[in-house]
Amino acid sequence: MRAKRILVVAGVAALAACGRQADLKPAPGHAMPVKPLMARTTPTVEQLLTPPSYARPDRIDELVKRSQPRRADPFDLPPPTGGTAPSQPAGADPGTVPDNTTSTTPGD
């Protein structure tokens, strides 16, 4: 029973020691990071620990207020044959493809 009390008291003391706060310092034998080339001063510990704004961007919950049609896309062109693409069910065997392609060089 006495050992259990000692164990509980030691556990509470260890847990209380976890909440101790102190200023951060470099490990013994190490120095603070050097000043960045374009910075005016060497950053402090607080500045090094504060994430920049791009690390945690603000969330934008802007809903679409009204629907607008898309602008015409100049690159949305029909196939070179002039027709629409053939419709085949997914997974269908395309069969043999005729080799009637020609290559031309632009500007000829």
N, C-alpha and C. Protein backbone atom coordinates (compact mmCIF):
# COMPACT_ATOMS: atom_id res chain seq x y z
N MET A 1 0.82 -1.19 0.00
CA MET A 1 0.00 0.00 0.00
C MET A 1 0.88 1.27 0.00
N ARG A 2 1.94 1.22 0.77
CA ARG A 2 2.84 2.37 0.87
C ARG A 2 3.58 2.59 -0.45
N ALA A 3 3.96 1.50 -1.13
CA ALA A 3 4.65 1.60 -2.42
C ALA A 3 3.73 2.21 -3.47
N LYS A 4 2.45 1.90 -3.38
CA LYS A 4 1.48 2.46 -4.34
C LYS A 4 1.38 3.98 -4.18
N ARG A 5 1.37 4.45 -2.91
CA ARG A 5 1.31 5.90 -2.65
C ARG A 5 2.57 6.59 -3.19
N ILE A 6 3.70 5.97 -2.96
CA ILE A 6 4.96 6.56 -3.43
C ILE A 6 4.95 6.64 -4.96
N LEU A 7 4.45 5.60 -5.60
CA LEU A 7 4.36 5.58 -7.05
C LEU A 7 3.42 6.67 -7.57
N VAL A 8 2.29 6.86 -6.90
CA VAL A 8 1.32 7.90 -7.31
C VAL A 8 1.94 9.28 -7.12
N VAL A 9 2.60 9.53 -5.99
CA VAL A 9 3.21 10.83 -5.72
C VAL A 9 4.32 11.09 -6.73
N ALA A 10 5.12 10.10 -7.06
CA ALA A 10 6.19 10.27 -8.04
C ALA A 10 5.61 10.56 -9.42
N GLY A 11 4.52 9.89 -9.75
CA GLY A 11 3.87 10.14 -11.04
C GLY A 11 3.32 11.54 -11.13
N VAL A 12 2.68 12.03 -10.07
CA VAL A 12 2.14 13.38 -10.05
C VAL A 12 3.28 14.41 -10.12
N ALA A 13 4.36 14.17 -9.43
CA ALA A 13 5.50 15.09 -9.46
C ALA A 13 6.13 15.12 -10.86
N ALA A 14 6.24 13.96 -11.49
CA ALA A 14 6.79 13.92 -12.85
C ALA A 14 5.88 14.64 -13.82
N LEU A 15 4.58 14.47 -13.66
CA LEU A 15 3.62 15.14 -14.54
C LEU A 15 3.66 16.65 -14.32
N ALA A 16 3.83 17.09 -13.09
CA ALA A 16 3.89 18.53 -12.80
C ALA A 16 5.17 19.13 -13.38
N ALA A 17 6.24 18.38 -13.43
CA ALA A 17 7.49 18.89 -13.98
C ALA A 17 7.41 19.08 -15.48
N CYS A 18 6.50 18.38 -16.16
CA CYS A 18 6.36 18.52 -17.60
C CYS A 18 5.85 19.90 -17.99
N GLY A 19 5.14 20.57 -17.10
CA GLY A 19 4.55 21.86 -17.41
C GLY A 19 5.49 23.02 -17.18
N ARG A 20 6.71 22.78 -16.74
CA ARG A 20 7.67 23.86 -16.49
C ARG A 20 8.07 24.50 -17.81
N GLN A 21 8.10 25.81 -17.83
CA GLN A 21 8.46 26.52 -19.06
C GLN A 21 9.70 27.35 -18.81
N ALA A 22 10.54 27.42 -19.82
CA ALA A 22 11.75 28.23 -19.74
C ALA A 22 12.05 28.76 -21.14
N ASP A 23 12.89 29.77 -21.22
CA ASP A 23 13.29 30.30 -22.51
C ASP A 23 14.08 29.25 -23.28
N LEU A 24 13.86 29.20 -24.57
CA LEU A 24 14.59 28.25 -25.41
C LEU A 24 15.99 28.77 -25.67
N LYS A 25 16.92 27.86 -25.60
CA LYS A 25 18.32 28.21 -25.85
C LYS A 25 18.92 27.11 -26.71
N PRO A 26 19.95 27.43 -27.50
CA PRO A 26 20.59 26.39 -28.29
C PRO A 26 21.22 25.33 -27.39
N ALA A 27 21.36 24.15 -27.92
CA ALA A 27 21.99 23.07 -27.18
C ALA A 27 23.43 23.45 -26.87
N PRO A 28 23.97 22.92 -25.78
CA PRO A 28 25.37 23.25 -25.44
C PRO A 28 26.31 22.87 -26.59
N GLY A 29 27.20 23.78 -26.94
CA GLY A 29 28.14 23.55 -28.02
C GLY A 29 27.62 23.97 -29.38
N HIS A 30 26.36 24.41 -29.47
CA HIS A 30 25.78 24.85 -30.73
C HIS A 30 25.40 26.32 -30.62
N ALA A 31 25.39 27.00 -31.75
CA ALA A 31 25.04 28.43 -31.78
C ALA A 31 23.69 28.60 -32.47
N MET A 32 23.14 29.78 -32.33
CA MET A 32 21.90 30.11 -33.03
C MET A 32 22.17 30.11 -34.54
N PRO A 33 21.14 29.92 -35.36
CA PRO A 33 21.35 29.96 -36.81
C PRO A 33 21.93 31.32 -37.23
N VAL A 34 22.71 31.31 -38.29
CA VAL A 34 23.32 32.54 -38.77
C VAL A 34 22.27 33.44 -39.42
N LYS A 35 22.61 34.70 -39.55
CA LYS A 35 21.69 35.67 -40.15
C LYS A 35 21.53 35.36 -41.63
N PRO A 36 20.28 35.30 -42.13
CA PRO A 36 20.08 35.12 -43.56
C PRO A 36 20.71 36.28 -44.34
N LEU A 37 21.09 36.00 -45.58
CA LEU A 37 21.83 36.99 -46.38
C LEU A 37 21.08 38.31 -46.55
N MET A 38 19.79 38.27 -46.83
CA MET A 38 19.04 39.50 -47.12
C MET A 38 18.37 40.09 -45.88
N ALA A 39 18.50 39.45 -44.72
CA ALA A 39 17.86 39.95 -43.51
C ALA A 39 18.67 41.07 -42.89
N ARG A 40 17.99 41.99 -42.22
CA ARG A 40 18.69 43.09 -41.56
C ARG A 40 19.29 42.64 -40.25
N THR A 41 18.55 41.77 -39.53
CA THR A 41 19.03 41.29 -38.23
C THR A 41 18.87 39.77 -38.16
N THR A 42 19.53 39.18 -37.18
CA THR A 42 19.38 37.74 -36.95
C THR A 42 18.02 37.50 -36.31
N PRO A 43 17.22 36.55 -36.82
CA PRO A 43 15.90 36.31 -36.23
C PRO A 43 16.01 35.78 -34.80
N THR A 44 15.03 36.17 -34.00
CA THR A 44 14.97 35.69 -32.62
C THR A 44 14.34 34.30 -32.59
N VAL A 45 14.34 33.70 -31.42
CA VAL A 45 13.74 32.38 -31.25
C VAL A 45 12.25 32.44 -31.59
N GLU A 46 11.57 33.47 -31.11
CA GLU A 46 10.12 33.60 -31.38
C GLU A 46 9.86 33.74 -32.88
N GLN A 47 10.68 34.50 -33.56
CA GLN A 47 10.50 34.67 -35.00
C GLN A 47 10.76 33.35 -35.74
N LEU A 48 11.72 32.58 -35.27
CA LEU A 48 12.00 31.30 -35.91
C LEU A 48 10.89 30.28 -35.67
N LEU A 49 10.22 30.38 -34.52
CA LEU A 49 9.16 29.42 -34.19
C LEU A 49 7.80 29.83 -34.73
N THR A 50 7.63 31.08 -35.15
CA THR A 50 6.35 31.53 -35.70
C THR A 50 6.29 31.16 -37.17
N PRO A 51 5.28 30.35 -37.57
CA PRO A 51 5.20 29.98 -38.99
C PRO A 51 4.81 31.18 -39.85
N PRO A 52 5.36 31.28 -41.06
CA PRO A 52 4.99 32.39 -41.94
C PRO A 52 3.55 32.25 -42.41
N SER A 53 3.01 33.32 -42.96
CA SER A 53 1.60 33.32 -43.35
C SER A 53 1.31 32.31 -44.44
N TYR A 54 2.27 32.02 -45.32
CA TYR A 54 2.01 31.06 -46.39
C TYR A 54 2.04 29.62 -45.88
N ALA A 55 2.52 29.39 -44.67
CA ALA A 55 2.52 28.04 -44.13
C ALA A 55 1.12 27.65 -43.64
N ARG A 56 0.34 28.62 -43.23
CA ARG A 56 -1.03 28.37 -42.78
C ARG A 56 -1.95 29.40 -43.45
N PRO A 57 -2.31 29.16 -44.70
CA PRO A 57 -3.14 30.15 -45.41
C PRO A 57 -4.54 30.23 -44.81
N ASP A 58 -5.15 31.39 -44.97
CA ASP A 58 -6.51 31.58 -44.49
C ASP A 58 -7.46 30.77 -45.36
N ARG A 59 -8.50 30.27 -44.72
CA ARG A 59 -9.49 29.50 -45.45
C ARG A 59 -10.52 30.46 -46.03
N ILE A 60 -10.87 30.24 -47.28
CA ILE A 60 -11.86 31.09 -47.93
C ILE A 60 -13.10 30.25 -48.17
N ASP A 61 -14.17 30.61 -47.53
CA ASP A 61 -15.44 29.90 -47.69
C ASP A 61 -16.40 30.73 -48.51
N GLU A 62 -15.95 31.17 -49.67
CA GLU A 62 -16.80 31.99 -50.52
C GLU A 62 -17.62 31.09 -51.42
N LEU A 63 -18.90 31.16 -51.27
CA LEU A 63 -19.78 30.38 -52.12
C LEU A 63 -20.03 31.12 -53.42
N VAL A 64 -20.37 30.38 -54.43
CA VAL A 64 -20.68 31.00 -55.72
C VAL A 64 -21.99 31.76 -55.55
N LYS A 65 -21.94 33.05 -55.78
CA LYS A 65 -23.14 33.87 -55.60
C LYS A 65 -24.09 33.75 -56.78
N ARG A 66 -23.55 33.69 -57.97
CA ARG A 66 -24.40 33.53 -59.15
C ARG A 66 -23.63 32.76 -60.20
N SER A 67 -24.37 32.04 -60.98
CA SER A 67 -23.76 31.23 -62.01
C SER A 67 -23.45 32.09 -63.22
N GLN A 68 -22.26 31.90 -63.79
CA GLN A 68 -21.88 32.65 -64.97
C GLN A 68 -21.40 31.66 -66.03
N PRO A 69 -21.80 31.88 -67.29
CA PRO A 69 -21.32 30.97 -68.34
C PRO A 69 -19.83 31.15 -68.57
N ARG A 70 -19.20 30.09 -69.01
CA ARG A 70 -17.76 30.14 -69.28
C ARG A 70 -17.49 30.94 -70.55
N ARG A 71 -16.30 31.58 -70.57
CA ARG A 71 -15.90 32.28 -71.77
C ARG A 71 -15.54 31.25 -72.85
N ALA A 72 -15.59 31.67 -74.09
CA ALA A 72 -15.23 30.79 -75.19
C ALA A 72 -13.76 30.42 -75.10
N ASP A 73 -13.46 29.14 -75.28
CA ASP A 73 -12.08 28.67 -75.22
C ASP A 73 -11.55 28.58 -76.64
N PRO A 74 -10.53 29.37 -77.00
CA PRO A 74 -10.02 29.33 -78.38
C PRO A 74 -9.33 28.01 -78.71
N PHE A 75 -8.97 27.21 -77.70
CA PHE A 75 -8.29 25.95 -77.94
C PHE A 75 -9.25 24.76 -77.95
N ASP A 76 -10.55 25.01 -77.75
CA ASP A 76 -11.54 23.94 -77.79
C ASP A 76 -11.93 23.71 -79.25
N LEU A 77 -11.09 22.97 -79.98
CA LEU A 77 -11.27 22.78 -81.41
C LEU A 77 -11.83 21.39 -81.69
N PRO A 78 -12.56 21.23 -82.80
CA PRO A 78 -13.05 19.90 -83.15
C PRO A 78 -11.90 19.03 -83.62
N PRO A 79 -12.10 17.70 -83.69
CA PRO A 79 -11.05 16.82 -84.19
C PRO A 79 -10.66 17.21 -85.61
N PRO A 80 -9.43 16.87 -86.05
CA PRO A 80 -8.98 17.28 -87.38
C PRO A 80 -9.82 16.67 -88.51
N THR A 81 -10.55 15.60 -88.25
CA THR A 81 -11.38 15.01 -89.30
C THR A 81 -12.64 15.81 -89.53
N GLY A 82 -12.94 16.72 -88.63
CA GLY A 82 -14.12 17.57 -88.80
C GLY A 82 -15.35 17.02 -88.11
N GLY A 83 -15.33 15.79 -87.71
CA GLY A 83 -16.49 15.20 -87.06
C GLY A 83 -16.26 15.04 -85.57
N THR A 84 -17.19 14.39 -84.95
CA THR A 84 -17.05 14.13 -83.53
C THR A 84 -16.31 12.82 -83.33
N ALA A 85 -15.79 12.62 -82.17
CA ALA A 85 -15.07 11.38 -81.86
C ALA A 85 -16.06 10.23 -81.83
N PRO A 86 -15.64 9.04 -82.27
CA PRO A 86 -16.56 7.90 -82.25
C PRO A 86 -16.89 7.51 -80.82
N SER A 87 -18.11 7.14 -80.62
CA SER A 87 -18.52 6.73 -79.28
C SER A 87 -18.48 5.22 -79.20
N GLN A 88 -17.67 4.71 -78.31
CA GLN A 88 -17.58 3.29 -78.07
C GLN A 88 -17.76 3.06 -76.59
N PRO A 89 -18.33 1.93 -76.23
CA PRO A 89 -18.48 1.67 -74.80
C PRO A 89 -17.11 1.49 -74.15
N ALA A 90 -17.06 1.81 -72.88
CA ALA A 90 -15.79 1.70 -72.15
C ALA A 90 -15.33 0.26 -72.12
N GLY A 91 -14.06 0.05 -72.38
CA GLY A 91 -13.49 -1.29 -72.34
C GLY A 91 -13.64 -2.04 -73.65
N ALA A 92 -14.24 -1.44 -74.68
CA ALA A 92 -14.41 -2.12 -75.96
C ALA A 92 -13.07 -2.16 -76.69
N ASP A 93 -12.83 -3.23 -77.42
CA ASP A 93 -11.61 -3.38 -78.18
C ASP A 93 -11.67 -2.44 -79.38
N PRO A 94 -10.70 -1.55 -79.56
CA PRO A 94 -10.77 -0.60 -80.65
C PRO A 94 -10.54 -1.24 -82.01
N GLY A 95 -10.09 -2.47 -82.04
CA GLY A 95 -9.85 -3.14 -83.32
C GLY A 95 -8.56 -2.63 -83.94
N THR A 96 -8.43 -2.82 -85.22
CA THR A 96 -7.23 -2.36 -85.89
C THR A 96 -7.36 -0.89 -86.26
N VAL A 97 -6.28 -0.20 -86.18
CA VAL A 97 -6.27 1.22 -86.50
C VAL A 97 -5.57 1.36 -87.84
N PRO A 98 -6.24 1.98 -88.85
CA PRO A 98 -5.60 2.11 -90.16
C PRO A 98 -4.41 3.06 -90.08
N ASP A 99 -3.38 2.77 -90.84
CA ASP A 99 -2.18 3.60 -90.86
C ASP A 99 -2.24 4.52 -92.07
N ASN A 100 -3.11 5.53 -91.97
CA ASN A 100 -3.26 6.48 -93.08
C ASN A 100 -2.88 7.89 -92.65
N THR A 101 -1.95 7.98 -91.70
CA THR A 101 -1.56 9.31 -91.24
C THR A 101 -0.41 9.81 -92.11
N THR A 102 -0.38 11.09 -92.29
CA THR A 102 0.70 11.72 -93.02
C THR A 102 1.32 12.78 -92.14
N SER A 103 2.59 12.98 -92.31
CA SER A 103 3.25 14.02 -91.52
C SER A 103 3.62 15.17 -92.46
N THR A 104 3.31 16.35 -92.01
CA THR A 104 3.66 17.53 -92.77
C THR A 104 4.44 18.48 -91.88
N THR A 105 5.30 19.24 -92.47
CA THR A 105 6.07 20.22 -91.74
C THR A 105 5.39 21.57 -91.89
N PRO A 106 5.15 22.28 -90.78
CA PRO A 106 4.50 23.59 -90.89
C PRO A 106 5.33 24.52 -91.76
N GLY A 107 4.66 25.27 -92.58
CA GLY A 107 5.32 26.25 -93.44
C GLY A 107 5.65 25.72 -94.82
N ASP A 108 5.34 24.44 -95.09
CA ASP A 108 5.59 23.89 -96.44
C ASP A 108 4.48 24.23 -97.38
